[in-house]
Amino acid sequence: MSVFQVHVFTCRTDNFGVLVHHPASGATASIDAPEEAPILEALAAKRWDLTHILTTHHHPDHVEANLALKRRYHAQIYGPVAERAKIPGLDHPVGDGDRFEFAGEAVEVIETPGHTAGHICYHFPEHGLLFAADTLFALGCGRLFERPASDMWVSLQKLMALPDDTEVYFGHEYTLSNARFAVTVDPDNEALLARFEEIESLRAQGRMTVPTTIGVEKETNPFLRPHDAGIRAVLEMEDASDAEVFAEIRRRKDNF
């Protein structure tokens, strides 16, 4: 059982705010800082004090509140070394394979270029937690702005190698839209169809779809399944490489 408490709430229009709290020490990290007011409200409701901000990439909807929160709490900001000039208030640039301690617990940095050139994810290996931001979504992956599809496919394979029971917290509530697309390229996947129904029910109730797990995504997320014969048949790409199939799935999602 994890020693951390994870609190998820909404920010902006469709961002998730995520706080990771260590009760024994009182340490609390915000995964990214999409918007100051909702983060302050969440901290106040939980009676937690912010000590860290773990930044995944430089996009404004993930760093907007960095400086305001740092001034208020003197929080230490970690972020991708490859984007160090673009991360406001950065104290600790980190890159692929780096490890640091948060509240005495190990955090591993996994570099996942694709959505941005220097995007990183934070993995808490002893507690089965992955904070993937805009690299991996439930039933989706991040749009490719700064790196080609081949780079994103390599990044996703890094995440697929984590244990299946790893809980994945992602950056946006895109899941219903992702599900609607997923069934167009993987229409015979019974696990996906069942999950689509579950997601429709959750969203109809106004409930969030986070977290997911690596295992569930490997079974149902088409972006992690370019090897699948059914998907390849739908795309008429039976003889293509996995990277080529992934790129076509991403292209179709962009135009969906």
C-alpha atoms as a PDB file:
ATOM      1  CA  MET A   1       0.000   0.000   0.000  1.00  0.00           C
ATOM      2  CA  SER A   2       1.345   3.409  -0.988  1.00  0.00           C
ATOM      3  CA  VAL A   3       2.433   5.829   1.722  1.00  0.00           C
ATOM      4  CA  PHE A   4       1.189   8.650  -0.524  1.00  0.00           C
ATOM      5  CA  GLN A   5      -2.233  10.214  -0.846  1.00  0.00           C
ATOM      6  CA  VAL A   6      -3.092  11.403  -4.371  1.00  0.00           C
ATOM      7  CA  HIS A   7      -5.767  14.071  -4.789  1.00  0.00           C
ATOM      8  CA  VAL A   8      -7.086  14.884  -8.273  1.00  0.00           C
ATOM      9  CA  PHE A   9      -9.240  17.878  -9.214  1.00  0.00           C
ATOM     10  CA  THR A  10      -9.999  19.921 -12.305  1.00  0.00           C
ATOM     11  CA  CYS A  11      -8.258  23.073 -13.520  1.00  0.00           C
ATOM     12  CA  ARG A  12      -8.828  25.367 -16.477  1.00  0.00           C
ATOM     13  CA  THR A  13     -11.244  23.744 -18.949  1.00  0.00           C
ATOM     14  CA  ASP A  14     -10.000  20.168 -19.064  1.00  0.00           C
ATOM     15  CA  ASN A  15      -6.697  19.971 -17.145  1.00  0.00           C
ATOM     16  CA  PHE A  16      -6.285  17.760 -14.111  1.00  0.00           C
ATOM     17  CA  GLY A  17      -4.638  19.172 -11.014  1.00  0.00           C
ATOM     18  CA  VAL A  18      -2.823  16.502  -9.014  1.00  0.00           C
ATOM     19  CA  LEU A  19      -1.441  16.754  -5.481  1.00  0.00           C
ATOM     20  CA  VAL A  20       0.755  14.013  -4.036  1.00  0.00           C
ATOM     21  CA  HIS A  21       0.908  14.117  -0.237  1.00  0.00           C
ATOM     22  CA  HIS A  22       3.143  12.238   2.189  1.00  0.00           C
ATOM     23  CA  PRO A  23       1.288  12.285   5.531  1.00  0.00           C
ATOM     24  CA  ALA A  24       4.259  11.237   7.660  1.00  0.00           C
ATOM     25  CA  SER A  25       6.414  14.195   6.604  1.00  0.00           C
ATOM     26  CA  GLY A  26       3.787  16.663   5.408  1.00  0.00           C
ATOM     27  CA  ALA A  27       5.508  17.002   2.030  1.00  0.00           C
ATOM     28  CA  THR A  28       3.138  17.785  -0.840  1.00  0.00           C
ATOM     29  CA  ALA A  29       3.929  17.971  -4.535  1.00  0.00           C
ATOM     30  CA  SER A  30       1.818  19.458  -7.298  1.00  0.00           C
ATOM     31  CA  ILE A  31       2.230  17.646 -10.586  1.00  0.00           C
ATOM     32  CA  ASP A  32       2.546  20.655 -12.869  1.00  0.00           C
ATOM     33  CA  ALA A  33       0.836  23.925 -11.966  1.00  0.00           C
ATOM     34  CA  PRO A  34      -1.944  24.530 -14.470  1.00  0.00           C
ATOM     35  CA  GLU A  35      -3.873  27.209 -12.560  1.00  0.00           C
ATOM     36  CA  GLU A  36      -3.271  28.874  -9.206  1.00  0.00           C
ATOM     37  CA  ALA A  37      -6.779  29.216  -7.733  1.00  0.00           C
ATOM     38  CA  PRO A  38      -7.915  25.567  -7.966  1.00  0.00           C
ATOM     39  CA  ILE A  39      -4.579  24.393  -6.564  1.00  0.00           C
ATOM     40  CA  LEU A  40      -4.871  26.792  -3.634  1.00  0.00           C
ATOM     41  CA  GLU A  41      -8.443  25.631  -3.019  1.00  0.00           C
ATOM     42  CA  ALA A  42      -7.393  21.986  -3.074  1.00  0.00           C
ATOM     43  CA  LEU A  43      -4.482  22.609  -0.689  1.00  0.00           C
ATOM     44  CA  ALA A  44      -6.748  24.527   1.690  1.00  0.00           C
ATOM     45  CA  ALA A  45      -9.437  21.847   1.602  1.00  0.00           C
ATOM     46  CA  LYS A  46      -6.867  19.179   2.453  1.00  0.00           C
ATOM     47  CA  ARG A  47      -4.941  21.410   4.884  1.00  0.00           C
ATOM     48  CA  TRP A  48      -1.720  20.610   3.066  1.00  0.00           C
ATOM     49  CA  ASP A  49       1.242  22.924   2.430  1.00  0.00           C
ATOM     50  CA  LEU A  50       2.917  22.777  -0.956  1.00  0.00           C
ATOM     51  CA  THR A  51       6.603  21.824  -0.856  1.00  0.00           C
ATOM     52  CA  HIS A  52       7.346  20.734  -4.441  1.00  0.00           C
ATOM     53  CA  ILE A  53       6.204  21.274  -8.015  1.00  0.00           C
ATOM     54  CA  LEU A  54       7.065  18.475 -10.431  1.00  0.00           C
ATOM     55  CA  THR A  55       6.885  20.009 -13.903  1.00  0.00           C
ATOM     56  CA  THR A  56       6.527  17.696 -16.894  1.00  0.00           C
ATOM     57  CA  HIS A  57       6.847  20.124 -19.818  1.00  0.00           C
ATOM     58  CA  HIS A  58       6.826  23.780 -20.737  1.00  0.00           C
ATOM     59  CA  HIS A  59       3.331  24.341 -22.149  1.00  0.00           C
ATOM     60  CA  PRO A  60       1.585  27.290 -20.455  1.00  0.00           C
ATOM     61  CA  ASP A  61      -1.331  25.186 -19.210  1.00  0.00           C
ATOM     62  CA  HIS A  62       1.179  23.173 -17.161  1.00  0.00           C
ATOM     63  CA  VAL A  63       3.447  25.928 -15.798  1.00  0.00           C
ATOM     64  CA  GLU A  64       1.174  28.967 -15.503  1.00  0.00           C
ATOM     65  CA  ALA A  65       1.089  28.944 -11.685  1.00  0.00           C
ATOM     66  CA  ASN A  66       4.731  27.974 -11.067  1.00  0.00           C
ATOM     67  CA  LEU A  67       5.958  31.384  -9.941  1.00  0.00           C
ATOM     68  CA  ALA A  68       2.877  32.332  -7.922  1.00  0.00           C
ATOM     69  CA  LEU A  69       2.968  29.059  -6.000  1.00  0.00           C
ATOM     70  CA  LYS A  70       6.722  29.284  -5.497  1.00  0.00           C
ATOM     71  CA  ARG A  71       6.393  32.780  -4.027  1.00  0.00           C
ATOM     72  CA  ARG A  72       3.601  31.700  -1.703  1.00  0.00           C
ATOM     73  CA  TYR A  73       5.048  28.387  -0.476  1.00  0.00           C
ATOM     74  CA  HIS A  74       8.773  28.529  -1.389  1.00  0.00           C
ATOM     75  CA  ALA A  75       8.162  25.260  -3.218  1.00  0.00           C
ATOM     76  CA  GLN A  76      11.061  23.568  -4.963  1.00  0.00           C
ATOM     77  CA  ILE A  77      10.451  23.188  -8.693  1.00  0.00           C
ATOM     78  CA  TYR A  78      11.728  20.177 -10.626  1.00  0.00           C
ATOM     79  CA  GLY A  79      11.465  20.034 -14.407  1.00  0.00           C
ATOM     80  CA  PRO A  80      12.945  18.758 -17.662  1.00  0.00           C
ATOM     81  CA  VAL A  81      16.558  19.690 -18.243  1.00  0.00           C
ATOM     82  CA  ALA A  82      15.926  19.811 -22.003  1.00  0.00           C
ATOM     83  CA  GLU A  83      13.385  22.600 -21.429  1.00  0.00           C
ATOM     84  CA  ARG A  84      15.164  24.349 -18.581  1.00  0.00           C
ATOM     85  CA  ALA A  85      14.983  27.788 -20.222  1.00  0.00           C
ATOM     86  CA  LYS A  86      11.193  27.471 -20.586  1.00  0.00           C
ATOM     87  CA  ILE A  87      10.245  26.304 -17.059  1.00  0.00           C
ATOM     88  CA  PRO A  88       9.451  29.282 -14.784  1.00  0.00           C
ATOM     89  CA  GLY A  89      11.200  29.143 -11.414  1.00  0.00           C
ATOM     90  CA  LEU A  90      13.060  25.904 -12.135  1.00  0.00           C
ATOM     91  CA  ASP A  91      15.341  24.838  -9.261  1.00  0.00           C
ATOM     92  CA  HIS A  92      16.224  21.259 -10.201  1.00  0.00           C
ATOM     93  CA  PRO A  93      16.634  20.342 -13.883  1.00  0.00           C
ATOM     94  CA  VAL A  94      16.298  16.561 -14.310  1.00  0.00           C
ATOM     95  CA  GLY A  95      16.639  14.206 -17.260  1.00  0.00           C
ATOM     96  CA  ASP A  96      16.166  10.633 -18.348  1.00  0.00           C
ATOM     97  CA  GLY A  97      17.250   8.103 -15.737  1.00  0.00           C
ATOM     98  CA  ASP A  98      17.757  10.649 -12.984  1.00  0.00           C
ATOM     99  CA  ARG A  99      16.520   9.739  -9.505  1.00  0.00           C
ATOM    100  CA  PHE A 100      15.741  12.023  -6.616  1.00  0.00           C
ATOM    101  CA  GLU A 101      13.971  11.737  -3.288  1.00  0.00           C
ATOM    102  CA  PHE A 102      10.609  13.196  -2.431  1.00  0.00           C
ATOM    103  CA  ALA A 103       9.714  12.790   1.246  1.00  0.00           C
ATOM    104  CA  GLY A 104      12.422  10.146   1.478  1.00  0.00           C
ATOM    105  CA  GLU A 105      10.914   8.090  -1.360  1.00  0.00           C
ATOM    106  CA  ALA A 106      12.519   7.464  -4.747  1.00  0.00           C
ATOM    107  CA  VAL A 107      11.293   9.245  -7.852  1.00  0.00           C
ATOM    108  CA  GLU A 108      12.556   8.187 -11.287  1.00  0.00           C
ATOM    109  CA  VAL A 109      12.571  10.516 -14.275  1.00  0.00           C
ATOM    110  CA  ILE A 110      11.545   9.050 -17.632  1.00  0.00           C
ATOM    111  CA  GLU A 111      12.175  11.276 -20.635  1.00  0.00           C
ATOM    112  CA  THR A 112       9.326  10.957 -23.127  1.00  0.00           C
ATOM    113  CA  PRO A 113       9.837  13.321 -26.077  1.00  0.00           C
ATOM    114  CA  GLY A 114       6.949  13.608 -28.496  1.00  0.00           C
ATOM    115  CA  HIS A 115       4.341  16.055 -27.274  1.00  0.00           C
ATOM    116  CA  THR A 116       7.248  18.399 -26.550  1.00  0.00           C
ATOM    117  CA  ALA A 117      10.939  17.879 -27.172  1.00  0.00           C
ATOM    118  CA  GLY A 118      11.827  17.496 -23.493  1.00  0.00           C
ATOM    119  CA  HIS A 119       8.663  16.126 -21.863  1.00  0.00           C
ATOM    120  CA  ILE A 120       9.352  13.977 -18.798  1.00  0.00           C
ATOM    121  CA  CYS A 121       7.231  11.674 -16.632  1.00  0.00           C
ATOM    122  CA  TYR A 122       7.683  11.032 -12.922  1.00  0.00           C
ATOM    123  CA  HIS A 123       7.642   7.416 -11.730  1.00  0.00           C
ATOM    124  CA  PHE A 124       7.410   6.427  -8.067  1.00  0.00           C
ATOM    125  CA  PRO A 125       8.694   2.850  -8.467  1.00  0.00           C
ATOM    126  CA  GLU A 126       8.164   1.671  -4.897  1.00  0.00           C
ATOM    127  CA  HIS A 127       4.543   2.811  -4.943  1.00  0.00           C
ATOM    128  CA  GLY A 128       3.424   2.006  -8.481  1.00  0.00           C
ATOM    129  CA  LEU A 129       2.617   5.589  -9.457  1.00  0.00           C
ATOM    130  CA  LEU A 130       3.280   7.257 -12.814  1.00  0.00           C
ATOM    131  CA  PHE A 131       2.556  10.908 -13.547  1.00  0.00           C
ATOM    132  CA  ALA A 132       2.485  10.990 -17.339  1.00  0.00           C
ATOM    133  CA  ALA A 133       0.934  14.426 -18.045  1.00  0.00           C
ATOM    134  CA  ASP A 134       0.564  14.773 -21.831  1.00  0.00           C
ATOM    135  CA  THR A 135       2.549  11.745 -22.982  1.00  0.00           C
ATOM    136  CA  LEU A 136       0.029   9.003 -22.171  1.00  0.00           C
ATOM    137  CA  PHE A 137      -3.696   9.542 -21.682  1.00  0.00           C
ATOM    138  CA  ALA A 138      -6.457   7.065 -20.999  1.00  0.00           C
ATOM    139  CA  LEU A 139      -7.038   5.598 -24.485  1.00  0.00           C
ATOM    140  CA  GLY A 140      -4.791   8.211 -26.061  1.00  0.00           C
ATOM    141  CA  CYS A 141      -1.430   9.928 -26.266  1.00  0.00           C
ATOM    142  CA  GLY A 142      -0.331  13.514 -26.612  1.00  0.00           C
ATOM    143  CA  ARG A 143      -0.532  15.387 -29.874  1.00  0.00           C
ATOM    144  CA  LEU A 144       2.892  15.643 -31.516  1.00  0.00           C
ATOM    145  CA  PHE A 145       4.061  19.244 -31.531  1.00  0.00           C
ATOM    146  CA  GLU A 146       7.857  19.099 -31.283  1.00  0.00           C
ATOM    147  CA  ARG A 147       8.962  15.578 -32.161  1.00  0.00           C
ATOM    148  CA  PRO A 148       7.998  13.040 -34.835  1.00  0.00           C
ATOM    149  CA  ALA A 149       5.781  10.022 -34.298  1.00  0.00           C
ATOM    150  CA  SER A 150       8.783   7.697 -34.241  1.00  0.00           C
ATOM    151  CA  ASP A 151      10.133   9.475 -31.158  1.00  0.00           C
ATOM    152  CA  MET A 152       6.772   9.302 -29.375  1.00  0.00           C
ATOM    153  CA  TRP A 153       6.522   5.590 -30.115  1.00  0.00           C
ATOM    154  CA  VAL A 154       9.903   5.047 -28.421  1.00  0.00           C
ATOM    155  CA  SER A 155       8.671   7.114 -25.462  1.00  0.00           C
ATOM    156  CA  LEU A 156       5.474   5.116 -25.098  1.00  0.00           C
ATOM    157  CA  GLN A 157       7.417   1.850 -25.171  1.00  0.00           C
ATOM    158  CA  LYS A 158       9.331   3.053 -22.117  1.00  0.00           C
ATOM    159  CA  LEU A 159       6.050   3.472 -20.248  1.00  0.00           C
ATOM    160  CA  MET A 160       4.684   0.147 -21.526  1.00  0.00           C
ATOM    161  CA  ALA A 161       7.671  -1.562 -19.887  1.00  0.00           C
ATOM    162  CA  LEU A 162       6.493  -0.515 -16.409  1.00  0.00           C
ATOM    163  CA  PRO A 163       4.524  -3.026 -14.310  1.00  0.00           C
ATOM    164  CA  ASP A 164       0.942  -3.528 -15.478  1.00  0.00           C
ATOM    165  CA  ASP A 165      -0.494  -2.468 -12.118  1.00  0.00           C
ATOM    166  CA  THR A 166       1.228   0.945 -12.251  1.00  0.00           C
ATOM    167  CA  GLU A 167      -1.383   3.673 -11.689  1.00  0.00           C
ATOM    168  CA  VAL A 168      -1.212   6.327 -14.400  1.00  0.00           C
ATOM    169  CA  TYR A 169      -2.250   9.915 -13.711  1.00  0.00           C
ATOM    170  CA  PHE A 170      -2.555  12.002 -16.873  1.00  0.00           C
ATOM    171  CA  GLY A 171      -2.943  15.665 -17.683  1.00  0.00           C
ATOM    172  CA  HIS A 172      -6.335  16.131 -19.346  1.00  0.00           C
ATOM    173  CA  GLU A 173      -9.886  14.799 -19.352  1.00  0.00           C
ATOM    174  CA  TYR A 174      -9.874  13.682 -22.977  1.00  0.00           C
ATOM    175  CA  THR A 175     -11.000  10.124 -22.302  1.00  0.00           C
ATOM    176  CA  LEU A 176     -14.478  10.083 -23.843  1.00  0.00           C
ATOM    177  CA  SER A 177     -13.226  11.679 -27.053  1.00  0.00           C
ATOM    178  CA  ASN A 178     -10.321   9.235 -27.082  1.00  0.00           C
ATOM    179  CA  ALA A 179     -12.720   6.308 -26.637  1.00  0.00           C
ATOM    180  CA  ARG A 180     -14.874   7.449 -29.548  1.00  0.00           C
ATOM    181  CA  PHE A 181     -11.806   7.460 -31.747  1.00  0.00           C
ATOM    182  CA  ALA A 182     -10.330   4.225 -30.390  1.00  0.00           C
ATOM    183  CA  VAL A 183     -13.296   2.115 -31.475  1.00  0.00           C
ATOM    184  CA  THR A 184     -12.895   3.333 -35.073  1.00  0.00           C
ATOM    185  CA  VAL A 185      -9.476   1.680 -35.371  1.00  0.00           C
ATOM    186  CA  ASP A 186     -10.002  -1.240 -32.955  1.00  0.00           C
ATOM    187  CA  PRO A 187     -13.706  -2.073 -33.398  1.00  0.00           C
ATOM    188  CA  ASP A 188     -13.535  -5.744 -32.385  1.00  0.00           C
ATOM    189  CA  ASN A 189     -11.699  -5.275 -29.088  1.00  0.00           C
ATOM    190  CA  GLU A 190     -14.212  -6.463 -26.494  1.00  0.00           C
ATOM    191  CA  ALA A 191     -12.234  -4.988 -23.600  1.00  0.00           C
ATOM    192  CA  LEU A 192     -12.241  -1.612 -25.359  1.00  0.00           C
ATOM    193  CA  LEU A 193     -15.970  -1.750 -26.070  1.00  0.00           C
ATOM    194  CA  ALA A 194     -16.706  -2.547 -22.419  1.00  0.00           C
ATOM    195  CA  ARG A 195     -14.439   0.264 -21.324  1.00  0.00           C
ATOM    196  CA  PHE A 196     -16.170   2.681 -23.700  1.00  0.00           C
ATOM    197  CA  GLU A 197     -19.483   1.964 -21.971  1.00  0.00           C
ATOM    198  CA  GLU A 198     -17.896   2.477 -18.554  1.00  0.00           C
ATOM    199  CA  ILE A 199     -16.382   5.802 -19.630  1.00  0.00           C
ATOM    200  CA  GLU A 200     -19.678   7.040 -21.041  1.00  0.00           C
ATOM    201  CA  SER A 201     -21.315   6.225 -17.709  1.00  0.00           C
ATOM    202  CA  LEU A 202     -18.599   7.965 -15.688  1.00  0.00           C
ATOM    203  CA  ARG A 203     -18.738  11.128 -17.754  1.00  0.00           C
ATOM    204  CA  ALA A 204     -22.540  11.186 -17.727  1.00  0.00           C
ATOM    205  CA  GLN A 205     -22.275  11.275 -13.936  1.00  0.00           C
ATOM    206  CA  GLY A 206     -19.682  14.043 -14.069  1.00  0.00           C
ATOM    207  CA  ARG A 207     -17.004  11.728 -12.682  1.00  0.00           C
ATOM    208  CA  MET A 208     -13.335  11.782 -13.669  1.00  0.00           C
ATOM    209  CA  THR A 209     -11.666   8.975 -15.618  1.00  0.00           C
ATOM    210  CA  VAL A 210      -8.294   9.236 -13.882  1.00  0.00           C
ATOM    211  CA  PRO A 211      -6.308   7.167 -12.948  1.00  0.00           C
ATOM    212  CA  THR A 212      -5.858   4.321 -15.357  1.00  0.00           C
ATOM    213  CA  THR A 213      -3.197   1.581 -15.283  1.00  0.00           C
ATOM    214  CA  ILE A 214      -0.470   0.500 -17.650  1.00  0.00           C
ATOM    215  CA  GLY A 215      -2.144  -2.899 -18.000  1.00  0.00           C
ATOM    216  CA  VAL A 216      -5.538  -1.452 -18.933  1.00  0.00           C
ATOM    217  CA  GLU A 217      -3.922   0.844 -21.489  1.00  0.00           C
ATOM    218  CA  LYS A 218      -1.951  -2.000 -23.075  1.00  0.00           C
ATOM    219  CA  GLU A 219      -5.219  -3.888 -23.494  1.00  0.00           C
ATOM    220  CA  THR A 220      -7.403  -1.063 -24.811  1.00  0.00           C
ATOM    221  CA  ASN A 221      -5.385   1.987 -25.948  1.00  0.00           C
ATOM    222  CA  PRO A 222      -4.790   1.782 -29.724  1.00  0.00           C
ATOM    223  CA  PHE A 223      -1.680   3.945 -29.450  1.00  0.00           C
ATOM    224  CA  LEU A 224      -0.055   1.146 -27.438  1.00  0.00           C
ATOM    225  CA  ARG A 225      -1.330  -1.582 -29.789  1.00  0.00           C
ATOM    226  CA  PRO A 226       0.162  -0.968 -33.254  1.00  0.00           C
ATOM    227  CA  HIS A 227       1.254  -4.611 -33.265  1.00  0.00           C
ATOM    228  CA  ASP A 228      -2.378  -5.813 -33.118  1.00  0.00           C
ATOM    229  CA  ALA A 229      -3.526  -7.731 -36.199  1.00  0.00           C
ATOM    230  CA  GLY A 230      -7.062  -6.350 -35.990  1.00  0.00           C
ATOM    231  CA  ILE A 231      -5.903  -2.744 -35.933  1.00  0.00           C
ATOM    232  CA  ARG A 232      -3.470  -3.411 -38.782  1.00  0.00           C
ATOM    233  CA  ALA A 233      -6.297  -4.935 -40.844  1.00  0.00           C
ATOM    234  CA  VAL A 234      -8.536  -1.906 -40.299  1.00  0.00           C
ATOM    235  CA  LEU A 235      -5.702   0.385 -41.352  1.00  0.00           C
ATOM    236  CA  GLU A 236      -4.673  -1.909 -44.235  1.00  0.00           C
ATOM    237  CA  MET A 237      -1.107  -1.874 -42.874  1.00  0.00           C
ATOM    238  CA  GLU A 238      -0.496  -5.567 -42.253  1.00  0.00           C
ATOM    239  CA  ASP A 239       3.159  -5.410 -43.331  1.00  0.00           C
ATOM    240  CA  ALA A 240       4.107  -2.053 -41.815  1.00  0.00           C
ATOM    241  CA  SER A 241       6.370  -1.521 -38.811  1.00  0.00           C
ATOM    242  CA  ASP A 242       4.899  -0.772 -35.408  1.00  0.00           C
ATOM    243  CA  ALA A 243       6.222   2.775 -35.659  1.00  0.00           C
ATOM    244  CA  GLU A 244       4.502   3.266 -39.014  1.00  0.00           C
ATOM    245  CA  VAL A 245       1.211   1.932 -37.686  1.00  0.00           C
ATOM    246  CA  PHE A 246       1.484   4.165 -34.623  1.00  0.00           C
ATOM    247  CA  ALA A 247       2.104   7.186 -36.860  1.00  0.00           C
ATOM    248  CA  GLU A 248      -1.010   6.404 -38.911  1.00  0.00           C
ATOM    249  CA  ILE A 249      -3.138   6.048 -35.773  1.00  0.00           C
ATOM    250  CA  ARG A 250      -1.843   9.423 -34.564  1.00  0.00           C
ATOM    251  CA  ARG A 251      -2.543  11.001 -37.966  1.00  0.00           C
ATOM    252  CA  ARG A 252      -6.110   9.690 -37.934  1.00  0.00           C
ATOM    253  CA  LYS A 253      -6.690  10.944 -34.406  1.00  0.00           C
ATOM    254  CA  ASP A 254      -5.463  14.402 -35.419  1.00  0.00           C
ATOM    255  CA  ASN A 255      -8.145  14.473 -38.120  1.00  0.00           C
ATOM    256  CA  PHE A 256     -10.904  12.763 -36.121  1.00  0.00           C
END
